[in-house]
Amino acid sequence: MSEHLTQASYPGEIDIKGDRAPVTYKIKAMKEDDGAIHVALSLTAPRDWLLKHGFRHEAVLRRTKGEPVPVHFEETLTVADNIAVTLRAEEFVCKSMDELARTFPELGSKAN
């Protein structure tokens, strides 16, 4: 059975070909029975802003702490999509709490 470690929101920027806007992204970390820590990262952004800046499928999340992370929309974004859309990063798998802290320094003591 999975153990919930943390879920929190942080400020960052979405970057589409150099055009940036502030966003809030969410991190959710779960520890699995085998000891691996699975981390989901997502953000919600306005569809019209994304389309105006040329977004179709992928952008970059620039975090205040930590490395930039590619985020994507499941399909090609169009005006027919919801006014706010969720972009997700590929799931991260960390082998230890130390690796989690290195990969997601914004978690600080929240993951302990």
C-alpha atoms as a PDB file:
ATOM      1  CA  MET A   1       0.000   0.000   0.000  1.00  0.00           C
ATOM      2  CA  SER A   2       1.234   3.507  -0.855  1.00  0.00           C
ATOM      3  CA  GLU A   3       2.192   5.994   1.831  1.00  0.00           C
ATOM      4  CA  HIS A   4       1.379   9.650   1.171  1.00  0.00           C
ATOM      5  CA  LEU A   5       4.486  11.760   1.890  1.00  0.00           C
ATOM      6  CA  THR A   6       3.526  15.262   0.833  1.00  0.00           C
ATOM      7  CA  GLN A   7       1.387  17.390  -1.427  1.00  0.00           C
ATOM      8  CA  ALA A   8       2.057  21.100  -1.794  1.00  0.00           C
ATOM      9  CA  SER A   9       1.944  24.023  -4.224  1.00  0.00           C
ATOM     10  CA  TYR A  10       4.830  26.276  -5.234  1.00  0.00           C
ATOM     11  CA  PRO A  11       5.347  29.351  -7.428  1.00  0.00           C
ATOM     12  CA  GLY A  12       7.130  29.017 -10.742  1.00  0.00           C
ATOM     13  CA  GLU A  13       6.988  30.171 -14.342  1.00  0.00           C
ATOM     14  CA  ILE A  14       5.734  28.498 -17.473  1.00  0.00           C
ATOM     15  CA  ASP A  15       8.058  29.035 -20.444  1.00  0.00           C
ATOM     16  CA  ILE A  16       6.947  28.690 -24.055  1.00  0.00           C
ATOM     17  CA  LYS A  17       9.763  29.533 -26.461  1.00  0.00           C
ATOM     18  CA  GLY A  18      11.043  32.258 -24.121  1.00  0.00           C
ATOM     19  CA  ASP A  19       7.625  33.729 -23.304  1.00  0.00           C
ATOM     20  CA  ARG A  20       7.058  33.334 -19.559  1.00  0.00           C
ATOM     21  CA  ALA A  21       4.181  33.745 -17.139  1.00  0.00           C
ATOM     22  CA  PRO A  22       3.848  33.031 -13.412  1.00  0.00           C
ATOM     23  CA  VAL A  23       2.115  29.776 -12.447  1.00  0.00           C
ATOM     24  CA  THR A  24       1.566  27.695  -9.369  1.00  0.00           C
ATOM     25  CA  TYR A  25       2.565  24.056  -9.663  1.00  0.00           C
ATOM     26  CA  LYS A  26       1.718  21.100  -7.446  1.00  0.00           C
ATOM     27  CA  ILE A  27       3.947  18.293  -6.235  1.00  0.00           C
ATOM     28  CA  LYS A  28       2.554  15.073  -4.804  1.00  0.00           C
ATOM     29  CA  ALA A  29       4.941  12.418  -3.423  1.00  0.00           C
ATOM     30  CA  MET A  30       3.943   8.853  -2.553  1.00  0.00           C
ATOM     31  CA  LYS A  31       6.194   6.116  -1.148  1.00  0.00           C
ATOM     32  CA  GLU A  32       5.447   2.680  -2.599  1.00  0.00           C
ATOM     33  CA  ASP A  33       5.829  -0.692  -0.893  1.00  0.00           C
ATOM     34  CA  ASP A  34       9.168  -1.288  -2.654  1.00  0.00           C
ATOM     35  CA  GLY A  35      10.552   1.934  -1.113  1.00  0.00           C
ATOM     36  CA  ALA A  36      10.504   3.917  -4.346  1.00  0.00           C
ATOM     37  CA  ILE A  37       9.097   7.426  -4.119  1.00  0.00           C
ATOM     38  CA  HIS A  38       6.804   8.398  -6.993  1.00  0.00           C
ATOM     39  CA  VAL A  39       6.415  12.114  -7.584  1.00  0.00           C
ATOM     40  CA  ALA A  40       3.700  13.727  -9.707  1.00  0.00           C
ATOM     41  CA  LEU A  41       4.107  17.338 -10.817  1.00  0.00           C
ATOM     42  CA  SER A  42       1.312  19.334 -12.467  1.00  0.00           C
ATOM     43  CA  LEU A  43       0.132  22.867 -13.124  1.00  0.00           C
ATOM     44  CA  THR A  44      -2.978  24.559 -14.461  1.00  0.00           C
ATOM     45  CA  ALA A  45      -2.641  27.317 -17.045  1.00  0.00           C
ATOM     46  CA  PRO A  46      -5.059  29.475 -19.050  1.00  0.00           C
ATOM     47  CA  ARG A  47      -5.805  27.927 -22.454  1.00  0.00           C
ATOM     48  CA  ASP A  48      -5.931  31.287 -24.265  1.00  0.00           C
ATOM     49  CA  TRP A  49      -2.547  32.439 -22.933  1.00  0.00           C
ATOM     50  CA  LEU A  50      -1.008  29.119 -23.953  1.00  0.00           C
ATOM     51  CA  LEU A  51      -2.453  29.308 -27.468  1.00  0.00           C
ATOM     52  CA  LYS A  52      -1.468  32.979 -27.862  1.00  0.00           C
ATOM     53  CA  HIS A  53       2.153  32.044 -27.157  1.00  0.00           C
ATOM     54  CA  GLY A  54       2.254  29.123 -29.573  1.00  0.00           C
ATOM     55  CA  PHE A  55       1.716  26.233 -27.161  1.00  0.00           C
ATOM     56  CA  ARG A  56       0.361  23.070 -28.698  1.00  0.00           C
ATOM     57  CA  HIS A  57       1.656  20.175 -26.614  1.00  0.00           C
ATOM     58  CA  GLU A  58       4.741  20.934 -24.468  1.00  0.00           C
ATOM     59  CA  ALA A  59       6.278  23.752 -22.393  1.00  0.00           C
ATOM     60  CA  VAL A  60       8.887  24.116 -19.650  1.00  0.00           C
ATOM     61  CA  LEU A  61       8.166  24.729 -15.972  1.00  0.00           C
ATOM     62  CA  ARG A  62      10.841  26.951 -14.457  1.00  0.00           C
ATOM     63  CA  ARG A  63      10.953  26.346 -10.724  1.00  0.00           C
ATOM     64  CA  THR A  64      12.339  28.845  -8.205  1.00  0.00           C
ATOM     65  CA  LYS A  65      14.364  25.985  -6.751  1.00  0.00           C
ATOM     66  CA  GLY A  66      15.368  22.982  -8.820  1.00  0.00           C
ATOM     67  CA  GLU A  67      15.905  22.222 -12.465  1.00  0.00           C
ATOM     68  CA  PRO A  68      13.469  23.181 -15.250  1.00  0.00           C
ATOM     69  CA  VAL A  69      10.933  20.446 -16.008  1.00  0.00           C
ATOM     70  CA  PRO A  70       9.162  19.727 -19.317  1.00  0.00           C
ATOM     71  CA  VAL A  71       5.365  19.665 -18.920  1.00  0.00           C
ATOM     72  CA  HIS A  72       2.871  18.520 -21.508  1.00  0.00           C
ATOM     73  CA  PHE A  73      -0.789  18.433 -22.415  1.00  0.00           C
ATOM     74  CA  GLU A  74      -2.167  14.993 -23.264  1.00  0.00           C
ATOM     75  CA  GLU A  75      -3.237  16.024 -26.768  1.00  0.00           C
ATOM     76  CA  THR A  76      -2.707  19.016 -29.046  1.00  0.00           C
ATOM     77  CA  LEU A  77      -4.266  22.076 -27.397  1.00  0.00           C
ATOM     78  CA  THR A  78      -7.047  23.822 -29.351  1.00  0.00           C
ATOM     79  CA  VAL A  79      -9.726  26.439 -28.657  1.00  0.00           C
ATOM     80  CA  ALA A  80     -12.164  23.566 -28.077  1.00  0.00           C
ATOM     81  CA  ASP A  81     -10.339  22.617 -24.839  1.00  0.00           C
ATOM     82  CA  ASN A  82     -11.321  23.879 -21.379  1.00  0.00           C
ATOM     83  CA  ILE A  83     -10.464  27.493 -20.550  1.00  0.00           C
ATOM     84  CA  ALA A  84      -7.941  26.240 -17.956  1.00  0.00           C
ATOM     85  CA  VAL A  85      -5.903  23.155 -18.779  1.00  0.00           C
ATOM     86  CA  THR A  86      -3.697  20.895 -16.702  1.00  0.00           C
ATOM     87  CA  LEU A  87      -0.149  20.226 -17.840  1.00  0.00           C
ATOM     88  CA  ARG A  88       1.791  17.345 -16.318  1.00  0.00           C
ATOM     89  CA  ALA A  89       5.414  16.289 -16.110  1.00  0.00           C
ATOM     90  CA  GLU A  90       6.464  12.686 -16.595  1.00  0.00           C
ATOM     91  CA  GLU A  91       6.347  10.925 -13.231  1.00  0.00           C
ATOM     92  CA  PHE A  92       9.599  11.067 -11.282  1.00  0.00           C
ATOM     93  CA  VAL A  93      10.800   8.019  -9.361  1.00  0.00           C
ATOM     94  CA  CYS A  94      13.287   8.621  -6.551  1.00  0.00           C
ATOM     95  CA  LYS A  95      15.065   5.757  -4.804  1.00  0.00           C
ATOM     96  CA  SER A  96      15.472   7.524  -1.465  1.00  0.00           C
ATOM     97  CA  MET A  97      14.452  10.541   0.593  1.00  0.00           C
ATOM     98  CA  ASP A  98      17.897  12.042  -0.129  1.00  0.00           C
ATOM     99  CA  GLU A  99      17.312  11.760  -3.876  1.00  0.00           C
ATOM    100  CA  LEU A 100      13.840  13.281  -3.409  1.00  0.00           C
ATOM    101  CA  ALA A 101      15.363  16.241  -1.525  1.00  0.00           C
ATOM    102  CA  ARG A 102      17.998  16.763  -4.250  1.00  0.00           C
ATOM    103  CA  THR A 103      15.482  16.547  -7.091  1.00  0.00           C
ATOM    104  CA  PHE A 104      12.823  18.672  -5.359  1.00  0.00           C
ATOM    105  CA  PRO A 105      14.630  21.126  -3.055  1.00  0.00           C
ATOM    106  CA  GLU A 106      11.408  23.154  -2.752  1.00  0.00           C
ATOM    107  CA  LEU A 107       9.951  20.376  -0.604  1.00  0.00           C
ATOM    108  CA  GLY A 108      12.413  21.190   2.177  1.00  0.00           C
ATOM    109  CA  SER A 109      11.260  19.530   5.382  1.00  0.00           C
ATOM    110  CA  LYS A 110       7.736  18.810   4.029  1.00  0.00           C
ATOM    111  CA  ALA A 111       8.844  15.421   2.723  1.00  0.00           C
ATOM    112  CA  ASN A 112      10.198  14.234   6.059  1.00  0.00           C
END
